[in-house]
């Protein structure tokens, strides 16, 4: 009986030590994966910034105008002029489609204290 009281806690300690050991390695693996993902996210942010800069460089109005002039005969492109560009407030967006109304409207609101 006394031997059983010594062996069972010893086995429990060994089992808990094995569990803690495996959890430690899983945690280290997860932390390493998070570091790798954060490094990859940083690289992707840098790449995105470079691509945005390249896009801004390539879509300069004077460059586009020169390209349109060079390729006018081959493509029949119109020359780019300043009045071809519009502000965001001048763009006409289509109205939202609300779908068919069946005559019943249900209103829901929260009551304020």
PDB file of N, CA and C in Angstrom:
ATOM      1  N   UNK A   1       0.818  -1.182   0.000  1.00  0.00           N
ATOM      2  CA  UNK A   1       0.000   0.000   0.000  1.00  0.00           C
ATOM      3  C   UNK A   1       0.870   1.258   0.000  1.00  0.00           C
ATOM      4  N   UNK A   2       1.898   1.231   0.823  1.00  0.00           N
ATOM      5  CA  UNK A   2       2.792   2.373   0.911  1.00  0.00           C
ATOM      6  C   UNK A   2       3.544   2.558  -0.412  1.00  0.00           C
ATOM      7  N   UNK A   3       3.914   1.461  -1.042  1.00  0.00           N
ATOM      8  CA  UNK A   3       4.595   1.525  -2.333  1.00  0.00           C
ATOM      9  C   UNK A   3       3.699   2.188  -3.378  1.00  0.00           C
ATOM     10  N   UNK A   4       2.417   1.886  -3.356  1.00  0.00           N
ATOM     11  CA  UNK A   4       1.462   2.486  -4.289  1.00  0.00           C
ATOM     12  C   UNK A   4       1.358   3.989  -4.061  1.00  0.00           C
ATOM     13  N   UNK A   5       1.425   4.442  -2.810  1.00  0.00           N
ATOM     14  CA  UNK A   5       1.365   5.868  -2.502  1.00  0.00           C
ATOM     15  C   UNK A   5       2.611   6.603  -2.987  1.00  0.00           C
ATOM     16  N   UNK A   6       3.734   5.904  -3.113  1.00  0.00           N
ATOM     17  CA  UNK A   6       4.946   6.531  -3.626  1.00  0.00           C
ATOM     18  C   UNK A   6       5.024   6.474  -5.157  1.00  0.00           C
ATOM     19  N   UNK A   7       4.547   5.420  -5.742  1.00  0.00           N
ATOM     20  CA  UNK A   7       4.660   5.224  -7.187  1.00  0.00           C
ATOM     21  C   UNK A   7       3.674   6.112  -7.948  1.00  0.00           C
ATOM     22  N   UNK A   8       2.432   6.200  -7.490  1.00  0.00           N
ATOM     23  CA  UNK A   8       1.422   6.992  -8.204  1.00  0.00           C
ATOM     24  C   UNK A   8       1.790   8.471  -8.300  1.00  0.00           C
ATOM     25  N   UNK A   9       2.175   9.130  -7.213  1.00  0.00           N
ATOM     26  CA  UNK A   9       2.599  10.536  -7.376  1.00  0.00           C
ATOM     27  C   UNK A   9       3.851  10.667  -8.248  1.00  0.00           C
ATOM     28  N   UNK A  10       4.750   9.698  -8.153  1.00  0.00           N
ATOM     29  CA  UNK A  10       5.944   9.744  -9.005  1.00  0.00           C
ATOM     30  C   UNK A  10       5.569   9.649 -10.475  1.00  0.00           C
ATOM     31  N   UNK A  11       4.647   8.758 -10.810  1.00  0.00           N
ATOM     32  CA  UNK A  11       4.183   8.645 -12.192  1.00  0.00           C
ATOM     33  C   UNK A  11       3.443   9.909 -12.639  1.00  0.00           C
ATOM     34  N   UNK A  12       2.670  10.473 -11.722  1.00  0.00           N
ATOM     35  CA  UNK A  12       1.962  11.720 -12.049  1.00  0.00           C
ATOM     36  C   UNK A  12       2.957  12.843 -12.328  1.00  0.00           C
ATOM     37  N   UNK A  13       4.034  12.913 -11.547  1.00  0.00           N
ATOM     38  CA  UNK A  13       5.049  13.952 -11.754  1.00  0.00           C
ATOM     39  C   UNK A  13       5.751  13.751 -13.088  1.00  0.00           C
ATOM     40  N   UNK A  14       6.066  12.513 -13.427  1.00  0.00           N
ATOM     41  CA  UNK A  14       6.712  12.230 -14.713  1.00  0.00           C
ATOM     42  C   UNK A  14       5.774  12.587 -15.860  1.00  0.00           C
ATOM     43  N   UNK A  15       4.504  12.246 -15.745  1.00  0.00           N
ATOM     44  CA  UNK A  15       3.537  12.562 -16.800  1.00  0.00           C
ATOM     45  C   UNK A  15       3.384  14.073 -16.950  1.00  0.00           C
ATOM     46  N   UNK A  16       3.305  14.793 -15.833  1.00  0.00           N
ATOM     47  CA  UNK A  16       3.184  16.254 -15.904  1.00  0.00           C
ATOM     48  C   UNK A  16       4.453  16.883 -16.458  1.00  0.00           C
ATOM     49  N   UNK A  17       5.608  16.342 -16.122  1.00  0.00           N
ATOM     50  CA  UNK A  17       6.871  16.871 -16.656  1.00  0.00           C
ATOM     51  C   UNK A  17       6.912  16.660 -18.171  1.00  0.00           C
ATOM     52  N   UNK A  18       6.503  15.488 -18.645  1.00  0.00           N
ATOM     53  CA  UNK A  18       6.461  15.233 -20.088  1.00  0.00           C
ATOM     54  C   UNK A  18       5.487  16.188 -20.773  1.00  0.00           C
ATOM     55  N   UNK A  19       4.334  16.398 -20.165  1.00  0.00           N
ATOM     56  CA  UNK A  19       3.342  17.333 -20.739  1.00  0.00           C
ATOM     57  C   UNK A  19       3.904  18.748 -20.800  1.00  0.00           C
ATOM     58  N   UNK A  20       4.534  19.209 -19.697  1.00  0.00           N
ATOM     59  CA  UNK A  20       5.102  20.561 -19.672  1.00  0.00           C
ATOM     60  C   UNK A  20       6.218  20.693 -20.712  1.00  0.00           C
ATOM     61  N   UNK A  21       7.031  19.658 -20.858  1.00  0.00           N
ATOM     62  CA  UNK A  21       8.116  19.658 -21.831  1.00  0.00           C
ATOM     63  C   UNK A  21       7.563  19.782 -23.256  1.00  0.00           C
ATOM     64  N   UNK A  22       6.530  19.012 -23.566  1.00  0.00           N
ATOM     65  CA  UNK A  22       5.949  19.071 -24.912  1.00  0.00           C
ATOM     66  C   UNK A  22       5.243  20.408 -25.152  1.00  0.00           C
ATOM     67  N   UNK A  23       4.591  20.942 -24.148  1.00  0.00           N
ATOM     68  CA  UNK A  23       3.932  22.249 -24.290  1.00  0.00           C
ATOM     69  C   UNK A  23       4.960  23.352 -24.516  1.00  0.00           C
ATOM     70  N   UNK A  24       6.097  23.240 -23.848  1.00  0.00           N
ATOM     71  CA  UNK A  24       7.161  24.235 -24.027  1.00  0.00           C
ATOM     72  C   UNK A  24       7.637  24.232 -25.477  1.00  0.00           C
ATOM     73  N   UNK A  25       7.852  23.053 -26.044  1.00  0.00           N
ATOM     74  CA  UNK A  25       8.295  22.987 -27.427  1.00  0.00           C
ATOM     75  C   UNK A  25       7.213  23.463 -28.397  1.00  0.00           C
ATOM     76  N   UNK A  26       5.975  23.174 -28.132  1.00  0.00           N
ATOM     77  CA  UNK A  26       4.883  23.677 -28.978  1.00  0.00           C
ATOM     78  C   UNK A  26       4.813  25.196 -28.920  1.00  0.00           C
ATOM     79  N   UNK A  27       4.999  25.744 -27.718  1.00  0.00           N
ATOM     80  CA  UNK A  27       4.980  27.197 -27.556  1.00  0.00           C
ATOM     81  C   UNK A  27       6.139  27.839 -28.303  1.00  0.00           C
ATOM     82  N   UNK A  28       7.324  27.262 -28.197  1.00  0.00           N
ATOM     83  CA  UNK A  28       8.485  27.796 -28.914  1.00  0.00           C
ATOM     84  C   UNK A  28       8.271  27.730 -30.426  1.00  0.00           C
ATOM     85  N   UNK A  29       7.670  26.652 -30.898  1.00  0.00           N
ATOM     86  CA  UNK A  29       7.392  26.519 -32.329  1.00  0.00           C
ATOM     87  C   UNK A  29       6.375  27.571 -32.776  1.00  0.00           C
ATOM     88  N   UNK A  30       5.354  27.807 -31.950  1.00  0.00           N
ATOM     89  CA  UNK A  30       4.341  28.810 -32.294  1.00  0.00           C
ATOM     90  C   UNK A  30       4.943  30.206 -32.306  1.00  0.00           C
ATOM     91  N   UNK A  31       5.794  30.517 -31.338  1.00  0.00           N
ATOM     92  CA  UNK A  31       6.444  31.831 -31.293  1.00  0.00           C
ATOM     93  C   UNK A  31       7.364  32.030 -32.494  1.00  0.00           C
ATOM     94  N   UNK A  32       8.049  30.979 -32.886  1.00  0.00           N
ATOM     95  CA  UNK A  32       8.905  31.070 -34.073  1.00  0.00           C
ATOM     96  C   UNK A  32       8.067  31.319 -35.315  1.00  0.00           C
ATOM     97  N   UNK A  33       6.935  30.667 -35.417  1.00  0.00           N
ATOM     98  CA  UNK A  33       6.037  30.863 -36.561  1.00  0.00           C
ATOM     99  C   UNK A  33       5.496  32.293 -36.584  1.00  0.00           C
ATOM    100  N   UNK A  34       5.166  32.833 -35.411  1.00  0.00           N
ATOM    101  CA  UNK A  34       4.672  34.214 -35.336  1.00  0.00           C
ATOM    102  C   UNK A  34       5.769  35.183 -35.774  1.00  0.00           C
ATOM    103  N   UNK A  35       7.006  34.958 -35.339  1.00  0.00           N
ATOM    104  CA  UNK A  35       8.123  35.823 -35.761  1.00  0.00           C
ATOM    105  C   UNK A  35       8.319  35.761 -37.270  1.00  0.00           C
ATOM    106  N   UNK A  36       8.239  34.552 -37.828  1.00  0.00           N
ATOM    107  CA  UNK A  36       8.381  34.415 -39.278  1.00  0.00           C
ATOM    108  C   UNK A  36       7.261  35.148 -40.010  1.00  0.00           C
ATOM    109  N   UNK A  37       6.037  35.023 -39.517  1.00  0.00           N
ATOM    110  CA  UNK A  37       4.912  35.710 -40.160  1.00  0.00           C
ATOM    111  C   UNK A  37       5.043  37.223 -40.053  1.00  0.00           C
ATOM    112  N   UNK A  38       5.504  37.722 -38.910  1.00  0.00           N
ATOM    113  CA  UNK A  38       5.683  39.167 -38.756  1.00  0.00           C
ATOM    114  C   UNK A  38       6.782  39.678 -39.685  1.00  0.00           C
ATOM    115  N   UNK A  39       7.849  38.913 -39.840  1.00  0.00           N
ATOM    116  CA  UNK A  39       8.908  39.291 -40.760  1.00  0.00           C
ATOM    117  C   UNK A  39       8.371  39.302 -42.197  1.00  0.00           C
ATOM    118  N   UNK A  40       7.585  38.305 -42.546  1.00  0.00           N
ATOM    119  CA  UNK A  40       7.001  38.247 -43.887  1.00  0.00           C
ATOM    120  C   UNK A  40       6.038  39.410 -44.119  1.00  0.00           C
ATOM    121  N   UNK A  41       5.262  39.777 -43.110  1.00  0.00           N
ATOM    122  CA  UNK A  41       4.349  40.917 -43.230  1.00  0.00           C
ATOM    123  C   UNK A  41       5.139  42.197 -43.461  1.00  0.00           C
ATOM    124  N   UNK A  42       6.252  42.362 -42.738  1.00  0.00           N
ATOM    125  CA  UNK A  42       7.104  43.539 -42.943  1.00  0.00           C
ATOM    126  C   UNK A  42       7.653  43.594 -44.355  1.00  0.00           C
ATOM    127  N   UNK A  43       8.089  42.451 -44.870  1.00  0.00           N
ATOM    128  CA  UNK A  43       8.608  42.403 -46.238  1.00  0.00           C
ATOM    129  C   UNK A  43       7.509  42.757 -47.233  1.00  0.00           C
ATOM    130  N   UNK A  44       6.295  42.241 -46.996  1.00  0.00           N
ATOM    131  CA  UNK A  44       5.182  42.538 -47.903  1.00  0.00           C
ATOM    132  C   UNK A  44       4.798  44.017 -47.848  1.00  0.00           C
ATOM    133  N   UNK A  45       4.887  44.641 -46.665  1.00  0.00           N
ATOM    134  CA  UNK A  45       4.616  46.083 -46.566  1.00  0.00           C
ATOM    135  C   UNK A  45       5.639  46.885 -47.367  1.00  0.00           C
ATOM    136  N   UNK A  46       6.908  46.485 -47.277  1.00  0.00           N
ATOM    137  CA  UNK A  46       7.938  47.170 -48.053  1.00  0.00           C
ATOM    138  C   UNK A  46       7.704  46.988 -49.545  1.00  0.00           C
ATOM    139  N   UNK A  47       7.348  45.777 -49.951  1.00  0.00           N
ATOM    140  CA  UNK A  47       7.069  45.511 -51.361  1.00  0.00           C
ATOM    141  C   UNK A  47       5.886  46.335 -51.844  1.00  0.00           C
ATOM    142  N   UNK A  48       4.857  46.424 -51.016  1.00  0.00           N
ATOM    143  CA  UNK A  48       3.679  47.216 -51.379  1.00  0.00           C
ATOM    144  C   UNK A  48       4.030  48.691 -51.522  1.00  0.00           C
ATOM    145  N   UNK A  49       4.867  49.202 -50.634  1.00  0.00           N
ATOM    146  CA  UNK A  49       5.278  50.609 -50.736  1.00  0.00           C
ATOM    147  C   UNK A  49       6.067  50.841 -52.027  1.00  0.00           C
ATOM    148  N   UNK A  50       6.933  49.898 -52.388  1.00  0.00           N
ATOM    149  CA  UNK A  50       7.702  50.023 -53.628  1.00  0.00           C
ATOM    150  C   UNK A  50       6.766  49.981 -54.832  1.00  0.00           C
ATOM    151  N   UNK A  51       5.801  49.054 -54.819  1.00  0.00           N
ATOM    152  CA  UNK A  51       4.870  48.963 -55.934  1.00  0.00           C
ATOM    153  C   UNK A  51       4.006  50.214 -56.069  1.00  0.00           C
ATOM    154  N   UNK A  52       3.614  50.789 -54.947  1.00  0.00           N
ATOM    155  CA  UNK A  52       2.840  52.048 -55.009  1.00  0.00           C
ATOM    156  C   UNK A  52       3.684  53.170 -55.598  1.00  0.00           C
ATOM    157  N   UNK A  53       4.961  53.232 -55.206  1.00  0.00           N
ATOM    158  CA  UNK A  53       5.847  54.262 -55.756  1.00  0.00           C
ATOM    159  C   UNK A  53       6.045  54.049 -57.254  1.00  0.00           C
ATOM    160  N   UNK A  54       6.226  52.802 -57.679  1.00  0.00           N
ATOM    161  CA  UNK A  54       6.373  52.528 -59.103  1.00  0.00           C
ATOM    162  C   UNK A  54       5.109  52.892 -59.873  1.00  0.00           C
ATOM    163  N   UNK A  55       3.952  52.567 -59.293  1.00  0.00           N
ATOM    164  CA  UNK A  55       2.695  52.908 -59.959  1.00  0.00           C
ATOM    165  C   UNK A  55       2.547  54.420 -60.097  1.00  0.00           C
ATOM    166  N   UNK A  56       2.892  55.156 -59.046  1.00  0.00           N
ATOM    167  CA  UNK A  56       2.808  56.615 -59.117  1.00  0.00           C
ATOM    168  C   UNK A  56       3.767  57.148 -60.178  1.00  0.00           C
ATOM    169  N   UNK A  57       4.951  56.548 -60.272  1.00  0.00           N
ATOM    170  CA  UNK A  57       5.921  56.986 -61.268  1.00  0.00           C
ATOM    171  C   UNK A  57       5.432  56.678 -62.679  1.00  0.00           C
ATOM    172  N   UNK A  58       4.907  55.481 -62.886  1.00  0.00           N
ATOM    173  CA  UNK A  58       4.480  55.083 -64.228  1.00  0.00           C
ATOM    174  C   UNK A  58       3.183  55.741 -64.677  1.00  0.00           C
ATOM    175  N   UNK A  59       2.360  56.186 -63.763  1.00  0.00           N
ATOM    176  CA  UNK A  59       1.079  56.790 -64.147  1.00  0.00           C
ATOM    177  C   UNK A  59       1.106  58.316 -64.073  1.00  0.00           C
ATOM    178  N   UNK A  60       2.294  58.896 -64.204  1.00  0.00           N
ATOM    179  CA  UNK A  60       2.395  60.357 -64.262  1.00  0.00           C
ATOM    180  C   UNK A  60       1.668  60.858 -65.503  1.00  0.00           C
ATOM    181  N   UNK A  61       0.912  61.944 -65.387  1.00  0.00           N
ATOM    182  CA  UNK A  61       0.165  62.436 -66.554  1.00  0.00           C
ATOM    183  C   UNK A  61       1.058  62.782 -67.744  1.00  0.00           C
ATOM    184  N   UNK A  62       2.237  63.377 -67.492  1.00  0.00           N
ATOM    185  CA  UNK A  62       3.100  63.730 -68.630  1.00  0.00           C
ATOM    186  C   UNK A  62       3.625  62.478 -69.341  1.00  0.00           C
ATOM    187  N   UNK A  63       3.904  61.417 -68.593  1.00  0.00           N
ATOM    188  CA  UNK A  63       4.361  60.163 -69.211  1.00  0.00           C
ATOM    189  C   UNK A  63       3.232  59.539 -70.024  1.00  0.00           C
ATOM    190  N   UNK A  64       2.021  59.524 -69.445  1.00  0.00           N
ATOM    191  CA  UNK A  64       0.885  58.960 -70.170  1.00  0.00           C
ATOM    192  C   UNK A  64       0.573  59.770 -71.430  1.00  0.00           C
ATOM    193  N   UNK A  65       0.725  61.078 -71.339  1.00  0.00           N
ATOM    194  CA  UNK A  65       0.492  61.928 -72.503  1.00  0.00           C
ATOM    195  C   UNK A  65       1.519  61.610 -73.599  1.00  0.00           C
ATOM    196  N   UNK A  66       2.799  61.455 -73.202  1.00  0.00           N
ATOM    197  CA  UNK A  66       3.829  61.113 -74.184  1.00  0.00           C
ATOM    198  C   UNK A  66       3.565  59.752 -74.818  1.00  0.00           C
ATOM    199  N   UNK A  67       3.145  58.779 -74.012  1.00  0.00           N
ATOM    200  CA  UNK A  67       2.825  57.455 -74.563  1.00  0.00           C
ATOM    201  C   UNK A  67       1.652  57.513 -75.525  1.00  0.00           C
ATOM    202  N   UNK A  68       0.644  58.306 -75.166  1.00  0.00           N
ATOM    203  CA  UNK A  68      -0.506  58.451 -76.060  1.00  0.00           C
ATOM    204  C   UNK A  68      -0.092  59.116 -77.367  1.00  0.00           C
ATOM    205  N   UNK A  69       0.810  60.113 -77.283  1.00  0.00           N
ATOM    206  CA  UNK A  69       1.285  60.770 -78.502  1.00  0.00           C
ATOM    207  C   UNK A  69       2.111  59.818 -79.368  1.00  0.00           C
ATOM    208  N   UNK A  70       2.970  59.014 -78.732  1.00  0.00           N
ATOM    209  CA  UNK A  70       3.816  58.080 -79.472  1.00  0.00           C
ATOM    210  C   UNK A  70       2.995  56.997 -80.171  1.00  0.00           C
ATOM    211  N   UNK A  71       1.940  56.534 -79.524  1.00  0.00           N
ATOM    212  CA  UNK A  71       1.155  55.422 -80.049  1.00  0.00           C
ATOM    213  C   UNK A  71      -0.155  55.873 -80.696  1.00  0.00           C
ATOM    214  N   UNK A  72      -0.247  57.142 -81.041  1.00  0.00           N
ATOM    215  CA  UNK A  72      -1.497  57.651 -81.599  1.00  0.00           C
ATOM    216  C   UNK A  72      -1.840  56.959 -82.913  1.00  0.00           C
ATOM    217  N   UNK A  73      -0.860  56.801 -83.771  1.00  0.00           N
ATOM    218  CA  UNK A  73      -1.151  56.216 -85.085  1.00  0.00           C
ATOM    219  C   UNK A  73      -1.452  54.728 -84.978  1.00  0.00           C
ATOM    220  N   UNK A  74      -0.748  54.020 -84.089  1.00  0.00           N
ATOM    221  CA  UNK A  74      -0.941  52.569 -83.974  1.00  0.00           C
ATOM    222  C   UNK A  74      -2.240  52.225 -83.246  1.00  0.00           C
ATOM    223  N   UNK A  75      -2.565  52.982 -82.214  1.00  0.00           N
ATOM    224  CA  UNK A  75      -3.713  52.632 -81.381  1.00  0.00           C
ATOM    225  C   UNK A  75      -4.906  53.557 -81.560  1.00  0.00           C
ATOM    226  N   UNK A  76      -4.690  54.703 -82.156  1.00  0.00           N
ATOM    227  CA  UNK A  76      -5.780  55.654 -82.308  1.00  0.00           C
ATOM    228  C   UNK A  76      -6.196  56.267 -80.982  1.00  0.00           C
ATOM    229  N   UNK A  77      -5.224  56.467 -80.097  1.00  0.00           N
ATOM    230  CA  UNK A  77      -5.520  57.039 -78.785  1.00  0.00           C
ATOM    231  C   UNK A  77      -5.684  58.540 -78.887  1.00  0.00           C
ATOM    232  N   UNK A  78      -6.548  59.070 -78.056  1.00  0.00           N
ATOM    233  CA  UNK A  78      -6.718  60.508 -77.995  1.00  0.00           C
ATOM    234  C   UNK A  78      -5.638  61.095 -77.095  1.00  0.00           C
ATOM    235  N   UNK A  79      -5.162  62.287 -77.391  1.00  0.00           N
ATOM    236  CA  UNK A  79      -4.155  62.895 -76.519  1.00  0.00           C
ATOM    237  C   UNK A  79      -4.748  63.212 -75.154  1.00  0.00           C
ATOM    238  N   UNK A  80      -3.931  63.037 -74.120  1.00  0.00           N
ATOM    239  CA  UNK A  80      -4.381  63.329 -72.760  1.00  0.00           C
ATOM    240  C   UNK A  80      -4.331  64.828 -72.507  1.00  0.00           C
ATOM    241  N   UNK A  81      -5.440  65.349 -72.037  1.00  0.00           N
ATOM    242  CA  UNK A  81      -5.531  66.766 -71.705  1.00  0.00           C
ATOM    243  C   UNK A  81      -6.009  66.909 -70.266  1.00  0.00           C
ATOM    244  N   UNK A  82      -5.728  68.043 -69.650  1.00  0.00           N
ATOM    245  CA  UNK A  82      -6.104  68.183 -68.230  1.00  0.00           C
ATOM    246  C   UNK A  82      -7.591  68.032 -67.956  1.00  0.00           C
ATOM    247  N   UNK A  83      -8.442  68.410 -68.884  1.00  0.00           N
ATOM    248  CA  UNK A  83      -9.878  68.318 -68.614  1.00  0.00           C
ATOM    249  C   UNK A  83     -10.403  66.886 -68.714  1.00  0.00           C
ATOM    250  N   UNK A  84      -9.539  65.924 -69.098  1.00  0.00           N
ATOM    251  CA  UNK A  84      -9.943  64.514 -69.104  1.00  0.00           C
ATOM    252  C   UNK A  84     -10.006  63.929 -67.699  1.00  0.00           C
ATOM    253  N   UNK A  85      -9.386  64.600 -66.758  1.00  0.00           N
ATOM    254  CA  UNK A  85      -9.364  64.117 -65.379  1.00  0.00           C
ATOM    255  C   UNK A  85     -10.452  64.817 -64.584  1.00  0.00           C
ATOM    256  N   UNK A  86     -11.082  64.096 -63.685  1.00  0.00           N
ATOM    257  CA  UNK A  86     -12.165  64.654 -62.872  1.00  0.00           C
ATOM    258  C   UNK A  86     -11.856  64.415 -61.395  1.00  0.00           C
ATOM    259  N   UNK A  87     -12.436  65.249 -60.573  1.00  0.00           N
ATOM    260  CA  UNK A  87     -12.317  65.057 -59.136  1.00  0.00           C
ATOM    261  C   UNK A  87     -13.297  64.000 -58.657  1.00  0.00           C
ATOM    262  N   UNK A  88     -13.071  63.506 -57.463  1.00  0.00           N
ATOM    263  CA  UNK A  88     -13.949  62.477 -56.912  1.00  0.00           C
ATOM    264  C   UNK A  88     -15.367  63.004 -56.749  1.00  0.00           C
ATOM    265  N   UNK A  89     -15.505  64.278 -56.422  1.00  0.00           N
ATOM    266  CA  UNK A  89     -16.841  64.844 -56.232  1.00  0.00           C
ATOM    267  C   UNK A  89     -17.604  64.989 -57.548  1.00  0.00           C
ATOM    268  N   UNK A  90     -16.928  64.868 -58.684  1.00  0.00           N
ATOM    269  CA  UNK A  90     -17.580  65.000 -59.981  1.00  0.00           C
ATOM    270  C   UNK A  90     -18.006  63.659 -60.566  1.00  0.00           C
ATOM    271  N   UNK A  91     -17.676  62.576 -59.930  1.00  0.00           N
ATOM    272  CA  UNK A  91     -18.013  61.251 -60.457  1.00  0.00           C
ATOM    273  C   UNK A  91     -19.441  60.909 -60.065  1.00  0.00           C
ATOM    274  N   UNK A  92     -20.225  60.485 -61.025  1.00  0.00           N
ATOM    275  CA  UNK A  92     -21.605  60.101 -60.762  1.00  0.00           C
ATOM    276  C   UNK A  92     -21.692  58.616 -60.444  1.00  0.00           C
ATOM    277  N   UNK A  93     -22.055  58.297 -59.238  1.00  0.00           N
ATOM    278  CA  UNK A  93     -22.195  56.908 -58.828  1.00  0.00           C
ATOM    279  C   UNK A  93     -23.637  56.466 -59.025  1.00  0.00           C
ATOM    280  N   UNK A  94     -23.864  55.225 -59.414  1.00  0.00           N
ATOM    281  CA  UNK A  94     -25.245  54.767 -59.582  1.00  0.00           C
ATOM    282  C   UNK A  94     -25.941  54.691 -58.226  1.00  0.00           C
ATOM    283  N   UNK A  95     -27.263  54.932 -58.200  1.00  0.00           N
ATOM    284  CA  UNK A  95     -27.972  54.849 -56.911  1.00  0.00           C
ATOM    285  C   UNK A  95     -28.016  53.407 -56.423  1.00  0.00           C
ATOM    286  N   UNK A  96     -28.088  53.281 -55.108  1.00  0.00           N
ATOM    287  CA  UNK A  96     -28.168  51.950 -54.532  1.00  0.00           C
ATOM    288  C   UNK A  96     -29.513  51.319 -54.880  1.00  0.00           C
ATOM    289  N   UNK A  97     -29.485  50.054 -55.245  1.00  0.00           N
ATOM    290  CA  UNK A  97     -30.714  49.335 -55.561  1.00  0.00           C
ATOM    291  C   UNK A  97     -31.317  48.831 -54.259  1.00  0.00           C
ATOM    292  N   UNK A  98     -32.465  49.349 -53.914  1.00  0.00           N
ATOM    293  CA  UNK A  98     -33.122  48.958 -52.670  1.00  0.00           C
ATOM    294  C   UNK A  98     -33.989  47.724 -52.851  1.00  0.00           C
ATOM    295  N   UNK A  99     -34.183  47.298 -54.070  1.00  0.00           N
ATOM    296  CA  UNK A  99     -35.019  46.130 -54.304  1.00  0.00           C
ATOM    297  C   UNK A  99     -36.488  46.508 -54.241  1.00  0.00           C
ATOM    298  N   UNK A 100     -37.337  45.546 -54.522  1.00  0.00           N
ATOM    299  CA  UNK A 100     -38.776  45.848 -54.507  1.00  0.00           C
ATOM    300  C   UNK A 100     -39.275  46.051 -53.077  1.00  0.00           C
ATOM    301  N   UNK A 101     -40.151  47.032 -52.902  1.00  0.00           N
ATOM    302  CA  UNK A 101     -40.783  47.275 -51.609  1.00  0.00           C
ATOM    303  C   UNK A 101     -42.164  46.644 -51.634  1.00  0.00           C
ATOM    304  N   UNK A 102     -42.510  45.934 -50.571  1.00  0.00           N
ATOM    305  CA  UNK A 102     -43.809  45.263 -50.544  1.00  0.00           C
ATOM    306  C   UNK A 102     -44.836  46.021 -49.717  1.00  0.00           C
ATOM    307  N   UNK A 103     -44.532  47.232 -49.328  1.00  0.00           N
ATOM    308  CA  UNK A 103     -45.497  48.043 -48.602  1.00  0.00           C
ATOM    309  C   UNK A 103     -45.352  47.958 -47.092  1.00  0.00           C
ATOM    310  N   UNK A 104     -44.633  46.979 -46.570  1.00  0.00           N
ATOM    311  CA  UNK A 104     -44.457  46.840 -45.128  1.00  0.00           C
ATOM    312  C   UNK A 104     -43.035  47.223 -44.769  1.00  0.00           C
ATOM    313  N   UNK A 105     -42.906  48.153 -43.831  1.00  0.00           N
ATOM    314  CA  UNK A 105     -41.591  48.575 -43.374  1.00  0.00           C
ATOM    315  C   UNK A 105     -41.507  48.338 -41.884  1.00  0.00           C
ATOM    316  N   UNK A 106     -40.505  47.592 -41.468  1.00  0.00           N
ATOM    317  CA  UNK A 106     -40.295  47.307 -40.052  1.00  0.00           C
ATOM    318  C   UNK A 106     -39.109  48.115 -39.562  1.00  0.00           C
ATOM    319  N   UNK A 107     -39.314  48.896 -38.529  1.00  0.00           N
ATOM    320  CA  UNK A 107     -38.236  49.716 -37.958  1.00  0.00           C
ATOM    321  C   UNK A 107     -37.809  49.092 -36.638  1.00  0.00           C
ATOM    322  N   UNK A 108     -36.499  49.065 -36.445  1.00  0.00           N
ATOM    323  CA  UNK A 108     -35.969  48.546 -35.186  1.00  0.00           C
ATOM    324  C   UNK A 108     -35.019  49.602 -34.630  1.00  0.00           C
ATOM    325  N   UNK A 109     -35.097  49.848 -33.344  1.00  0.00           N
ATOM    326  CA  UNK A 109     -34.175  50.794 -32.736  1.00  0.00           C
ATOM    327  C   UNK A 109     -33.947  50.405 -31.295  1.00  0.00           C
ATOM    328  N   UNK A 110     -32.833  50.885 -30.777  1.00  0.00           N
ATOM    329  CA  UNK A 110     -32.538  50.663 -29.377  1.00  0.00           C
ATOM    330  C   UNK A 110     -33.084  51.838 -28.578  1.00  0.00           C
ATOM    331  N   UNK A 111     -33.570  51.572 -27.402  1.00  0.00           N
ATOM    332  CA  UNK A 111     -34.040  52.661 -26.561  1.00  0.00           C
ATOM    333  C   UNK A 111     -32.880  53.173 -25.742  1.00  0.00           C
ATOM    334  N   UNK A 112     -32.741  54.467 -25.718  1.00  0.00           N
ATOM    335  CA  UNK A 112     -31.669  55.091 -24.968  1.00  0.00           C
ATOM    336  C   UNK A 112     -32.106  55.312 -23.525  1.00  0.00           C
ATOM    337  N   UNK A 113     -31.209  55.137 -22.566  1.00  0.00           N
ATOM    338  CA  UNK A 113     -31.592  55.348 -21.162  1.00  0.00           C
ATOM    339  C   UNK A 113     -31.828  56.806 -20.847  1.00  0.00           C
TER     340      UNK A 113
END
